Every structure is written in structure tokens, then in C-alpha cells.
Amino acid sequence: MNRQISWTPLLVLGYLFYLLLGAMMFQLLEKQAETHFRDQFQLEKLKFLQNYTCLDRQALEQFVQVLMEAREKGVNPEGNSTNPSNWDFSNSFFFAGTVITTIGYGNLSPSTVAGQIFCVFYALFGVPLNLAFLNQLGKGLNAHLITLERWVQKPGRAQVVQTLAVAIFLTTGTLLFLIFPPLVFSYVEGWSYGEGFYFTFITLSTIGFGDYVVGTNLNKHYIPVYRSLTAIWIVFGLAWLAQVFNVAADLMEKFLQLKWYKPDLSLTEGATTKLEDEPEQPRIHIPS
């Protein structure tokens, strides 16, 4: 028998501490830059009013509000009527993928009531469908790992092959979904590699801030299937990263159980003594 020491309160405290740590770090890293950009923006507005005296401050604020609303609707204020539509098939396909994968960048959203209602029901059935699809992909990946383990028949090598299979799985997935894609995005979008890597992880983890989105620069010419191919890459990347997260979560749970489950030494010693005195007595397992 084991004496169970509950680690749930400690896990809750650790979770809250992690959130507080993140809040403090983001505030420390980002607040000063935000203040600088805000002051710079106000200075630019003052300079604009000084150069164009025909406008008053209220008119300028209204114009800025119009620009912000245009950005929220996915319309580039610098564009014109000849710019490509945000709702052509390729962009719509990409948007549908961000809906059912729950990425939700936020740079584009339905503006009509019909589109919003359809989006609700589309997500209602699409999100479970996506989860089932990713689950099947995950089972396929696990099946390949099991097949690789069965190749070895000699005793003592199964653990080595299992470790090797996991290493190959992690290495190949990291290259295909985290290392190489930022190179492509850097070349096509004009981002730095760091920005491309940031976009890649934020997308595949379904965080989806929307500060970086592929295929949205109106000054660049994209091939028609660029965003569709990106959507397909996202789906397989989601399946891989979900497996990685699941493994990490399992390891964390096992670590906590090993750390916070301690044997009752008195009961163990008593059971050992009894077994030594009565070697013929069969062992009885008492379920916890």
C-alpha cells in the first residue's frame, strides 16, 4: 500500500505562479515599448495638425478611427478597389482552416450577420471534426512508432529502438514544422527568421495572436495556392505538436506522481517481514 500525498494543490499553485510570472515578464518587456510607440504616435498627430491647419483635432481623431475600423475588417487603408479580395477562395480556405483549428488570428472575421451565424455553426461541427482528424493523425504517427519497435526481436534492444524512434520523431518533426518553414516565410513574407519562427510556433500551438499572418502583404504577389498550402502545413503541424504536448504533459504528470507518492515504510517493512516468515504465503494485491 502507498500513502498518497496529494499534489493537486501544489499543481494549482504552480499553475497560478506560472501565469503571474508570465504577466510580470510581459509587462516588463512590453510596457515600455508600448509607451514609447504611444508617445510617438501622439507626436506624429501633433505634427500632422501643424502641417495641415485645415483639420482640427476632432476631425483627425475621427479619421484615425475610420482607419482602425478598416484594419479590423481586414481592409488595407493604403489599398484601392483593384487590390485582391480578402475573401477569394484561397483566403477563404485559409480562414476556414483557422476557424476549425481554433487558431483564430483575428485579422479577418465575418462582417455580415449571415456570415457570423454560419461561422458559429461551421465551428460547432468543424472543431470536433478537426479534433477527430488530428486524433487519427496522432494514432497513425503512434502506429509507425510501434511498427518500428517491432522490427527488433532481440532482448535488450527494444528500449534502445524506442528511444531512437522518439528521437527521430522529434527531430524530423522539428525540422519539418519548426525549423524549415520559417526559412520559407522569411523569403516569401520578408520577415526575419526570428519573426518566422515566432509565427510558426504561435500558429501550430493554436495561440494565434494575429500580429503575423501569411499572405496579407498587399505589396507582394503571392501564388494562388500559397495560403492553401500553408493551411495544409498547419493541419499536419498541429497533429505533430499536439503529440509533443501530450508526451510532455504525460511526463510532467508521471514526474509529479513519482515525486509526491511516497511509500508507507512501516507497512512495507511489516509486509516484508511477514513474507520472510511465511515464504509460501501468496501475495495479495489490494487495489487503491
C-alpha atoms as a PDB file:
ATOM      1  CA  MET A   1       0.000   0.000   0.000  1.00  0.00           C
ATOM      2  CA  ASN A   2       1.146   3.533  -0.721  1.00  0.00           C
ATOM      3  CA  ARG A   3       0.347   6.624   1.247  1.00  0.00           C
ATOM      4  CA  GLN A   4      -0.810   9.153  -1.341  1.00  0.00           C
ATOM      5  CA  ILE A   5       0.281  12.747  -0.821  1.00  0.00           C
ATOM      6  CA  SER A   6      -1.964  14.944  -2.959  1.00  0.00           C
ATOM      7  CA  TRP A   7      -0.005  17.148  -5.357  1.00  0.00           C
ATOM      8  CA  THR A   8      -3.124  18.825  -6.824  1.00  0.00           C
ATOM      9  CA  PRO A   9      -2.904  21.949  -4.616  1.00  0.00           C
ATOM     10  CA  LEU A  10       0.760  22.320  -5.492  1.00  0.00           C
ATOM     11  CA  LEU A  11      -0.067  21.944  -9.180  1.00  0.00           C
ATOM     12  CA  VAL A  12      -2.730  24.659  -8.896  1.00  0.00           C
ATOM     13  CA  LEU A  13      -0.282  26.942  -7.084  1.00  0.00           C
ATOM     14  CA  GLY A  14       2.372  26.225  -9.703  1.00  0.00           C
ATOM     15  CA  TYR A  15      -0.100  26.987 -12.470  1.00  0.00           C
ATOM     16  CA  LEU A  16      -1.077  30.310 -10.907  1.00  0.00           C
ATOM     17  CA  PHE A  17       2.571  31.145 -10.254  1.00  0.00           C
ATOM     18  CA  TYR A  18       3.384  30.449 -13.912  1.00  0.00           C
ATOM     19  CA  LEU A  19       0.613  32.818 -15.013  1.00  0.00           C
ATOM     20  CA  LEU A  20       1.809  35.516 -12.619  1.00  0.00           C
ATOM     21  CA  LEU A  21       5.380  35.056 -13.795  1.00  0.00           C
ATOM     22  CA  GLY A  22       4.289  35.425 -17.410  1.00  0.00           C
ATOM     23  CA  ALA A  23       2.258  38.537 -16.596  1.00  0.00           C
ATOM     24  CA  MET A  24       5.193  40.205 -14.857  1.00  0.00           C
ATOM     25  CA  MET A  25       7.659  39.333 -17.607  1.00  0.00           C
ATOM     26  CA  PHE A  26       5.381  40.525 -20.430  1.00  0.00           C
ATOM     27  CA  GLN A  27       4.728  43.736 -18.546  1.00  0.00           C
ATOM     28  CA  LEU A  28       8.431  44.248 -18.013  1.00  0.00           C
ATOM     29  CA  LEU A  29       9.333  43.521 -21.634  1.00  0.00           C
ATOM     30  CA  GLU A  30       6.471  45.203 -23.484  1.00  0.00           C
ATOM     31  CA  LYS A  31       5.059  48.095 -21.446  1.00  0.00           C
ATOM     32  CA  GLN A  32       7.970  50.469 -22.036  1.00  0.00           C
ATOM     33  CA  ALA A  33       7.918  49.846 -25.782  1.00  0.00           C
ATOM     34  CA  GLU A  34       4.151  50.398 -25.856  1.00  0.00           C
ATOM     35  CA  THR A  35       4.540  53.709 -24.030  1.00  0.00           C
ATOM     36  CA  HIS A  36       7.224  54.781 -26.496  1.00  0.00           C
ATOM     37  CA  PHE A  37       5.067  53.909 -29.526  1.00  0.00           C
ATOM     38  CA  ARG A  38       2.052  55.647 -27.989  1.00  0.00           C
ATOM     39  CA  ASP A  39       4.020  58.855 -27.352  1.00  0.00           C
ATOM     40  CA  GLN A  40       5.485  58.676 -30.845  1.00  0.00           C
ATOM     41  CA  PHE A  41       2.000  58.300 -32.318  1.00  0.00           C
ATOM     42  CA  GLN A  42       0.702  61.317 -30.403  1.00  0.00           C
ATOM     43  CA  LEU A  43       3.712  63.343 -31.565  1.00  0.00           C
ATOM     44  CA  GLU A  44       3.048  62.383 -35.177  1.00  0.00           C
ATOM     45  CA  LYS A  45      -0.573  63.501 -34.854  1.00  0.00           C
ATOM     46  CA  LEU A  46       0.520  66.871 -33.491  1.00  0.00           C
ATOM     47  CA  LYS A  47       2.960  67.321 -36.371  1.00  0.00           C
ATOM     48  CA  PHE A  48       0.209  66.397 -38.821  1.00  0.00           C
ATOM     49  CA  LEU A  49      -2.133  69.014 -37.342  1.00  0.00           C
ATOM     50  CA  GLN A  50       0.581  71.646 -37.529  1.00  0.00           C
ATOM     51  CA  ASN A  51       1.212  70.924 -41.206  1.00  0.00           C
ATOM     52  CA  TYR A  52      -2.475  70.728 -42.133  1.00  0.00           C
ATOM     53  CA  THR A  53      -4.175  73.523 -40.268  1.00  0.00           C
ATOM     54  CA  CYS A  54      -7.437  72.984 -42.144  1.00  0.00           C
ATOM     55  CA  LEU A  55      -8.068  69.947 -39.944  1.00  0.00           C
ATOM     56  CA  ASP A  56      -8.974  70.162 -36.296  1.00  0.00           C
ATOM     57  CA  ARG A  57      -8.142  67.541 -33.690  1.00  0.00           C
ATOM     58  CA  GLN A  58     -11.640  66.067 -33.632  1.00  0.00           C
ATOM     59  CA  ALA A  59     -11.654  65.516 -37.406  1.00  0.00           C
ATOM     60  CA  LEU A  60      -8.262  63.822 -37.208  1.00  0.00           C
ATOM     61  CA  GLU A  61      -9.436  61.529 -34.414  1.00  0.00           C
ATOM     62  CA  GLN A  62     -12.460  60.531 -36.490  1.00  0.00           C
ATOM     63  CA  PHE A  63     -10.220  59.762 -39.450  1.00  0.00           C
ATOM     64  CA  VAL A  64      -7.935  57.645 -37.263  1.00  0.00           C
ATOM     65  CA  GLN A  65     -10.998  55.761 -36.013  1.00  0.00           C
ATOM     66  CA  VAL A  66     -12.029  55.037 -39.608  1.00  0.00           C
ATOM     67  CA  LEU A  67      -8.554  53.663 -40.304  1.00  0.00           C
ATOM     68  CA  MET A  68      -8.701  51.434 -37.232  1.00  0.00           C
ATOM     69  CA  GLU A  69     -12.101  50.068 -38.226  1.00  0.00           C
ATOM     70  CA  ALA A  70     -10.781  49.353 -41.711  1.00  0.00           C
ATOM     71  CA  ARG A  71      -7.906  47.393 -40.204  1.00  0.00           C
ATOM     72  CA  GLU A  72     -10.310  45.419 -38.013  1.00  0.00           C
ATOM     73  CA  LYS A  73     -12.358  44.490 -41.100  1.00  0.00           C
ATOM     74  CA  GLY A  74      -9.246  43.249 -42.869  1.00  0.00           C
ATOM     75  CA  VAL A  75      -9.119  46.156 -45.345  1.00  0.00           C
ATOM     76  CA  ASN A  76      -5.781  47.787 -46.031  1.00  0.00           C
ATOM     77  CA  PRO A  77      -6.317  51.592 -45.832  1.00  0.00           C
ATOM     78  CA  GLU A  78      -3.452  52.083 -48.277  1.00  0.00           C
ATOM     79  CA  GLY A  79      -5.077  49.834 -50.880  1.00  0.00           C
ATOM     80  CA  ASN A  80      -7.650  50.533 -53.563  1.00  0.00           C
ATOM     81  CA  SER A  81     -10.511  48.748 -55.297  1.00  0.00           C
ATOM     82  CA  THR A  82      -8.105  46.798 -57.524  1.00  0.00           C
ATOM     83  CA  ASN A  83      -6.447  45.007 -54.599  1.00  0.00           C
ATOM     84  CA  PRO A  84      -7.120  41.251 -54.263  1.00  0.00           C
ATOM     85  CA  SER A  85     -10.153  40.339 -52.203  1.00  0.00           C
ATOM     86  CA  ASN A  86      -9.713  39.092 -48.661  1.00  0.00           C
ATOM     87  CA  TRP A  87     -12.456  36.585 -49.409  1.00  0.00           C
ATOM     88  CA  ASP A  88     -11.250  34.913 -52.581  1.00  0.00           C
ATOM     89  CA  PHE A  89     -11.163  31.114 -52.491  1.00  0.00           C
ATOM     90  CA  SER A  90      -7.576  30.802 -51.268  1.00  0.00           C
ATOM     91  CA  ASN A  91      -8.064  33.285 -48.440  1.00  0.00           C
ATOM     92  CA  SER A  92     -11.457  31.803 -47.555  1.00  0.00           C
ATOM     93  CA  PHE A  93      -9.928  28.320 -47.432  1.00  0.00           C
ATOM     94  CA  PHE A  94      -7.212  29.597 -45.117  1.00  0.00           C
ATOM     95  CA  PHE A  95      -9.792  31.335 -42.922  1.00  0.00           C
ATOM     96  CA  ALA A  96     -11.890  28.157 -42.704  1.00  0.00           C
ATOM     97  CA  GLY A  97      -8.791  26.321 -41.519  1.00  0.00           C
ATOM     98  CA  THR A  98      -8.130  28.888 -38.796  1.00  0.00           C
ATOM     99  CA  VAL A  99     -11.724  28.513 -37.600  1.00  0.00           C
ATOM    100  CA  ILE A 100     -11.881  24.744 -37.160  1.00  0.00           C
ATOM    101  CA  THR A 101      -8.339  24.570 -35.761  1.00  0.00           C
ATOM    102  CA  THR A 102      -9.283  27.291 -33.220  1.00  0.00           C
ATOM    103  CA  ILE A 103      -6.249  29.393 -34.190  1.00  0.00           C
ATOM    104  CA  GLY A 104      -8.377  32.473 -34.837  1.00  0.00           C
ATOM    105  CA  TYR A 105      -5.802  35.075 -35.846  1.00  0.00           C
ATOM    106  CA  GLY A 106      -8.329  37.887 -35.576  1.00  0.00           C
ATOM    107  CA  ASN A 107      -7.045  39.830 -38.577  1.00  0.00           C
ATOM    108  CA  LEU A 108     -10.082  38.742 -40.590  1.00  0.00           C
ATOM    109  CA  SER A 109     -13.614  37.928 -39.498  1.00  0.00           C
ATOM    110  CA  PRO A 110     -17.124  37.791 -40.986  1.00  0.00           C
ATOM    111  CA  SER A 111     -18.790  41.196 -41.148  1.00  0.00           C
ATOM    112  CA  THR A 112     -22.276  40.140 -42.251  1.00  0.00           C
ATOM    113  CA  VAL A 113     -24.859  38.648 -39.899  1.00  0.00           C
ATOM    114  CA  ALA A 114     -25.291  35.656 -42.220  1.00  0.00           C
ATOM    115  CA  GLY A 115     -21.538  35.090 -42.284  1.00  0.00           C
ATOM    116  CA  GLN A 116     -21.281  35.313 -38.499  1.00  0.00           C
ATOM    117  CA  ILE A 117     -24.150  32.858 -37.936  1.00  0.00           C
ATOM    118  CA  PHE A 118     -22.680  30.433 -40.466  1.00  0.00           C
ATOM    119  CA  CYS A 119     -19.281  30.768 -38.755  1.00  0.00           C
ATOM    120  CA  VAL A 120     -20.824  29.740 -35.428  1.00  0.00           C
ATOM    121  CA  PHE A 121     -22.393  26.557 -36.808  1.00  0.00           C
ATOM    122  CA  TYR A 122     -19.392  25.860 -39.019  1.00  0.00           C
ATOM    123  CA  ALA A 123     -17.137  25.935 -35.947  1.00  0.00           C
ATOM    124  CA  LEU A 124     -19.689  23.975 -33.891  1.00  0.00           C
ATOM    125  CA  PHE A 125     -19.344  20.967 -36.176  1.00  0.00           C
ATOM    126  CA  GLY A 126     -15.877  21.730 -37.574  1.00  0.00           C
ATOM    127  CA  VAL A 127     -13.946  21.864 -34.305  1.00  0.00           C
ATOM    128  CA  PRO A 128     -14.963  18.310 -33.227  1.00  0.00           C
ATOM    129  CA  LEU A 129     -14.291  17.112 -36.770  1.00  0.00           C
ATOM    130  CA  ASN A 130     -10.838  18.679 -36.635  1.00  0.00           C
ATOM    131  CA  LEU A 131     -10.126  17.085 -33.260  1.00  0.00           C
ATOM    132  CA  ALA A 132     -11.173  13.677 -34.588  1.00  0.00           C
ATOM    133  CA  PHE A 133      -8.987  14.158 -37.665  1.00  0.00           C
ATOM    134  CA  LEU A 134      -5.976  15.200 -35.582  1.00  0.00           C
ATOM    135  CA  ASN A 135      -6.604  12.247 -33.280  1.00  0.00           C
ATOM    136  CA  GLN A 136      -6.454   9.880 -36.249  1.00  0.00           C
ATOM    137  CA  LEU A 137      -3.258  11.514 -37.444  1.00  0.00           C
ATOM    138  CA  GLY A 138      -1.809  11.061 -33.981  1.00  0.00           C
ATOM    139  CA  LYS A 139      -2.789   7.385 -33.969  1.00  0.00           C
ATOM    140  CA  GLY A 140      -1.111   6.996 -37.349  1.00  0.00           C
ATOM    141  CA  LEU A 141       2.082   8.508 -36.012  1.00  0.00           C
ATOM    142  CA  ASN A 142       1.955   6.236 -32.968  1.00  0.00           C
ATOM    143  CA  ALA A 143       1.341   3.222 -35.214  1.00  0.00           C
ATOM    144  CA  HIS A 144       4.503   3.978 -37.164  1.00  0.00           C
ATOM    145  CA  LEU A 145       6.453   4.183 -33.927  1.00  0.00           C
ATOM    146  CA  ILE A 146       5.053   0.838 -32.746  1.00  0.00           C
ATOM    147  CA  THR A 147       5.897  -0.757 -36.091  1.00  0.00           C
ATOM    148  CA  LEU A 148       9.446   0.496 -35.783  1.00  0.00           C
ATOM    149  CA  GLU A 149       9.716  -1.022 -32.307  1.00  0.00           C
ATOM    150  CA  ARG A 150       8.549  -4.442 -33.550  1.00  0.00           C
ATOM    151  CA  TRP A 151      11.426  -4.629 -36.009  1.00  0.00           C
ATOM    152  CA  VAL A 152      13.733  -5.547 -33.170  1.00  0.00           C
ATOM    153  CA  GLN A 153      13.249  -9.039 -31.811  1.00  0.00           C
ATOM    154  CA  LYS A 154      16.391  -9.486 -29.742  1.00  0.00           C
ATOM    155  CA  PRO A 155      16.012  -8.858 -25.999  1.00  0.00           C
ATOM    156  CA  GLY A 156      17.560  -5.734 -24.618  1.00  0.00           C
ATOM    157  CA  ARG A 157      17.215  -3.674 -27.772  1.00  0.00           C
ATOM    158  CA  ALA A 158      13.566  -2.696 -27.616  1.00  0.00           C
ATOM    159  CA  GLN A 159      14.246   0.211 -25.262  1.00  0.00           C
ATOM    160  CA  VAL A 160      17.047   1.442 -27.492  1.00  0.00           C
ATOM    161  CA  VAL A 161      14.841   1.350 -30.580  1.00  0.00           C
ATOM    162  CA  GLN A 162      12.001   3.046 -28.729  1.00  0.00           C
ATOM    163  CA  THR A 163      14.304   5.852 -27.675  1.00  0.00           C
ATOM    164  CA  LEU A 164      15.656   6.094 -31.210  1.00  0.00           C
ATOM    165  CA  ALA A 165      12.139   6.204 -32.664  1.00  0.00           C
ATOM    166  CA  VAL A 166      11.121   9.034 -30.337  1.00  0.00           C
ATOM    167  CA  ALA A 167      14.304  10.905 -31.198  1.00  0.00           C
ATOM    168  CA  ILE A 168      13.621  10.508 -34.926  1.00  0.00           C
ATOM    169  CA  PHE A 169      10.009  11.607 -34.417  1.00  0.00           C
ATOM    170  CA  LEU A 170      11.039  14.736 -32.539  1.00  0.00           C
ATOM    171  CA  THR A 171      13.942  15.603 -34.832  1.00  0.00           C
ATOM    172  CA  THR A 172      12.052  15.100 -38.087  1.00  0.00           C
ATOM    173  CA  GLY A 173       9.009  17.000 -36.847  1.00  0.00           C
ATOM    174  CA  THR A 174      11.135  19.849 -35.541  1.00  0.00           C
ATOM    175  CA  LEU A 175      12.847  20.210 -38.906  1.00  0.00           C
ATOM    176  CA  LEU A 176       9.655  19.939 -40.960  1.00  0.00           C
ATOM    177  CA  PHE A 177       7.394  22.094 -38.815  1.00  0.00           C
ATOM    178  CA  LEU A 178       9.593  24.458 -36.799  1.00  0.00           C
ATOM    179  CA  ILE A 179      12.987  24.926 -38.479  1.00  0.00           C
ATOM    180  CA  PHE A 180      12.437  24.884 -42.265  1.00  0.00           C
ATOM    181  CA  PRO A 181       9.066  26.732 -42.511  1.00  0.00           C
ATOM    182  CA  PRO A 182      10.449  29.990 -41.050  1.00  0.00           C
ATOM    183  CA  LEU A 183      13.000  29.998 -43.875  1.00  0.00           C
ATOM    184  CA  VAL A 184      10.163  29.869 -46.409  1.00  0.00           C
ATOM    185  CA  PHE A 185       8.143  32.515 -44.616  1.00  0.00           C
ATOM    186  CA  SER A 186      11.185  34.765 -44.291  1.00  0.00           C
ATOM    187  CA  TYR A 187      11.784  34.527 -48.030  1.00  0.00           C
ATOM    188  CA  VAL A 188       8.161  34.988 -49.114  1.00  0.00           C
ATOM    189  CA  GLU A 189       6.955  37.470 -46.497  1.00  0.00           C
ATOM    190  CA  GLY A 190      10.161  39.414 -45.948  1.00  0.00           C
ATOM    191  CA  TRP A 191      10.259  38.579 -42.242  1.00  0.00           C
ATOM    192  CA  SER A 192      13.353  37.862 -40.226  1.00  0.00           C
ATOM    193  CA  TYR A 193      13.968  34.245 -39.285  1.00  0.00           C
ATOM    194  CA  GLY A 194      13.039  35.041 -35.687  1.00  0.00           C
ATOM    195  CA  GLU A 195       9.715  36.505 -36.779  1.00  0.00           C
ATOM    196  CA  GLY A 196       9.057  33.479 -38.984  1.00  0.00           C
ATOM    197  CA  PHE A 197       9.857  31.082 -36.141  1.00  0.00           C
ATOM    198  CA  TYR A 198       7.626  33.093 -33.811  1.00  0.00           C
ATOM    199  CA  PHE A 199       4.751  32.925 -36.312  1.00  0.00           C
ATOM    200  CA  THR A 200       5.291  29.193 -36.810  1.00  0.00           C
ATOM    201  CA  PHE A 201       5.083  28.261 -33.148  1.00  0.00           C
ATOM    202  CA  ILE A 202       2.272  30.687 -32.307  1.00  0.00           C
ATOM    203  CA  THR A 203       0.272  29.205 -35.184  1.00  0.00           C
ATOM    204  CA  LEU A 204       0.886  25.497 -34.543  1.00  0.00           C
ATOM    205  CA  SER A 205       0.196  25.909 -30.842  1.00  0.00           C
ATOM    206  CA  THR A 206      -3.184  27.492 -31.811  1.00  0.00           C
ATOM    207  CA  ILE A 207      -2.354  30.626 -29.803  1.00  0.00           C
ATOM    208  CA  GLY A 208      -2.825  32.705 -32.951  1.00  0.00           C
ATOM    209  CA  PHE A 209      -2.272  36.321 -31.910  1.00  0.00           C
ATOM    210  CA  GLY A 210      -2.742  37.592 -35.453  1.00  0.00           C
ATOM    211  CA  ASP A 211       0.169  40.026 -35.393  1.00  0.00           C
ATOM    212  CA  TYR A 212       1.842  37.950 -38.114  1.00  0.00           C
ATOM    213  CA  VAL A 213      -0.288  36.275 -40.784  1.00  0.00           C
ATOM    214  CA  VAL A 214       0.912  34.874 -44.100  1.00  0.00           C
ATOM    215  CA  GLY A 215      -0.336  36.262 -47.391  1.00  0.00           C
ATOM    216  CA  THR A 216      -1.589  39.602 -46.089  1.00  0.00           C
ATOM    217  CA  ASN A 217       1.025  41.975 -47.524  1.00  0.00           C
ATOM    218  CA  LEU A 218      -0.709  43.747 -50.427  1.00  0.00           C
ATOM    219  CA  ASN A 219       2.630  44.924 -51.760  1.00  0.00           C
ATOM    220  CA  LYS A 220       3.653  41.353 -52.522  1.00  0.00           C
ATOM    221  CA  HIS A 221       2.410  38.988 -55.215  1.00  0.00           C
ATOM    222  CA  TYR A 222       1.588  35.526 -53.866  1.00  0.00           C
ATOM    223  CA  ILE A 223       0.923  32.394 -55.867  1.00  0.00           C
ATOM    224  CA  PRO A 224      -2.782  31.451 -55.667  1.00  0.00           C
ATOM    225  CA  VAL A 225      -2.226  28.273 -53.640  1.00  0.00           C
ATOM    226  CA  TYR A 226       0.214  29.813 -51.152  1.00  0.00           C
ATOM    227  CA  ARG A 227      -2.233  30.175 -48.281  1.00  0.00           C
ATOM    228  CA  SER A 228      -3.949  26.878 -49.097  1.00  0.00           C
ATOM    229  CA  LEU A 229      -0.616  25.045 -48.864  1.00  0.00           C
ATOM    230  CA  THR A 230       0.059  26.881 -45.627  1.00  0.00           C
ATOM    231  CA  ALA A 231      -3.284  25.670 -44.257  1.00  0.00           C
ATOM    232  CA  ILE A 232      -2.362  22.053 -45.090  1.00  0.00           C
ATOM    233  CA  TRP A 233       1.026  22.505 -43.408  1.00  0.00           C
ATOM    234  CA  ILE A 234      -0.766  23.882 -40.341  1.00  0.00           C
ATOM    235  CA  VAL A 235      -3.007  20.804 -40.050  1.00  0.00           C
ATOM    236  CA  PHE A 236      -0.129  18.317 -40.068  1.00  0.00           C
ATOM    237  CA  GLY A 237       1.939  20.584 -37.845  1.00  0.00           C
ATOM    238  CA  LEU A 238      -0.910  20.723 -35.347  1.00  0.00           C
ATOM    239  CA  ALA A 239      -1.032  16.918 -35.210  1.00  0.00           C
ATOM    240  CA  TRP A 240       2.716  16.689 -34.600  1.00  0.00           C
ATOM    241  CA  LEU A 241       2.899  19.420 -31.977  1.00  0.00           C
ATOM    242  CA  ALA A 242      -0.184  18.038 -30.214  1.00  0.00           C
ATOM    243  CA  GLN A 243       1.650  14.724 -29.832  1.00  0.00           C
ATOM    244  CA  VAL A 244       4.675  16.534 -28.437  1.00  0.00           C
ATOM    245  CA  PHE A 245       2.497  18.419 -25.954  1.00  0.00           C
ATOM    246  CA  ASN A 246       0.756  15.193 -24.930  1.00  0.00           C
ATOM    247  CA  VAL A 247       4.086  13.468 -24.284  1.00  0.00           C
ATOM    248  CA  ALA A 248       5.303  16.466 -22.289  1.00  0.00           C
ATOM    249  CA  ALA A 249       2.088  16.508 -20.244  1.00  0.00           C
ATOM    250  CA  ASP A 250       2.373  12.752 -19.541  1.00  0.00           C
ATOM    251  CA  LEU A 251       5.981  13.143 -18.445  1.00  0.00           C
ATOM    252  CA  MET A 252       5.028  16.014 -16.163  1.00  0.00           C
ATOM    253  CA  GLU A 253       2.209  14.014 -14.589  1.00  0.00           C
ATOM    254  CA  LYS A 254       4.490  10.997 -14.073  1.00  0.00           C
ATOM    255  CA  PHE A 255       7.148  13.211 -12.533  1.00  0.00           C
ATOM    256  CA  LEU A 256       4.642  14.685 -10.106  1.00  0.00           C
ATOM    257  CA  GLN A 257       3.315  11.251  -9.192  1.00  0.00           C
ATOM    258  CA  LEU A 258       6.813   9.889  -8.588  1.00  0.00           C
ATOM    259  CA  LYS A 259       7.698  12.938  -6.573  1.00  0.00           C
ATOM    260  CA  TRP A 260       4.588  13.134  -4.412  1.00  0.00           C
ATOM    261  CA  TYR A 261       3.722   9.442  -3.965  1.00  0.00           C
ATOM    262  CA  LYS A 262       5.791   8.107  -1.056  1.00  0.00           C
ATOM    263  CA  PRO A 263       5.707   4.518   0.209  1.00  0.00           C
ATOM    264  CA  ASP A 264       4.456   3.875   3.707  1.00  0.00           C
ATOM    265  CA  LEU A 265       7.673   2.469   5.186  1.00  0.00           C
ATOM    266  CA  SER A 266       6.013   0.980   8.237  1.00  0.00           C
ATOM    267  CA  LEU A 267       3.549  -1.025   6.153  1.00  0.00           C
ATOM    268  CA  THR A 268       6.269  -2.029   3.697  1.00  0.00           C
ATOM    269  CA  GLU A 269       8.588  -3.269   6.430  1.00  0.00           C
ATOM    270  CA  GLY A 270       5.761  -5.174   8.063  1.00  0.00           C
ATOM    271  CA  ALA A 271       4.797  -6.812   4.782  1.00  0.00           C
ATOM    272  CA  THR A 272       8.426  -7.721   4.086  1.00  0.00           C
ATOM    273  CA  THR A 273       8.842  -9.334   7.477  1.00  0.00           C
ATOM    274  CA  LYS A 274       5.643 -11.293   7.009  1.00  0.00           C
ATOM    275  CA  LEU A 275       6.760 -12.558   3.614  1.00  0.00           C
ATOM    276  CA  GLU A 276      10.098 -13.644   5.036  1.00  0.00           C
ATOM    277  CA  ASP A 277       8.401 -15.527   7.859  1.00  0.00           C
ATOM    278  CA  GLU A 278       5.848 -17.153   5.539  1.00  0.00           C
ATOM    279  CA  PRO A 279       7.517 -17.667   2.151  1.00  0.00           C
ATOM    280  CA  GLU A 280       4.732 -19.945   0.942  1.00  0.00           C
ATOM    281  CA  GLN A 281       2.016 -17.323   1.527  1.00  0.00           C
ATOM    282  CA  PRO A 282       0.757 -15.910  -1.798  1.00  0.00           C
ATOM    283  CA  ARG A 283       0.865 -12.141  -2.325  1.00  0.00           C
ATOM    284  CA  ILE A 284      -2.458 -10.332  -2.324  1.00  0.00           C
ATOM    285  CA  HIS A 285      -2.792  -7.064  -4.235  1.00  0.00           C
ATOM    286  CA  ILE A 286      -5.117  -4.594  -2.543  1.00  0.00           C
ATOM    287  CA  PRO A 287      -6.294  -2.046  -5.092  1.00  0.00           C
ATOM    288  CA  SER A 288      -6.039   1.564  -4.036  1.00  0.00           C
END
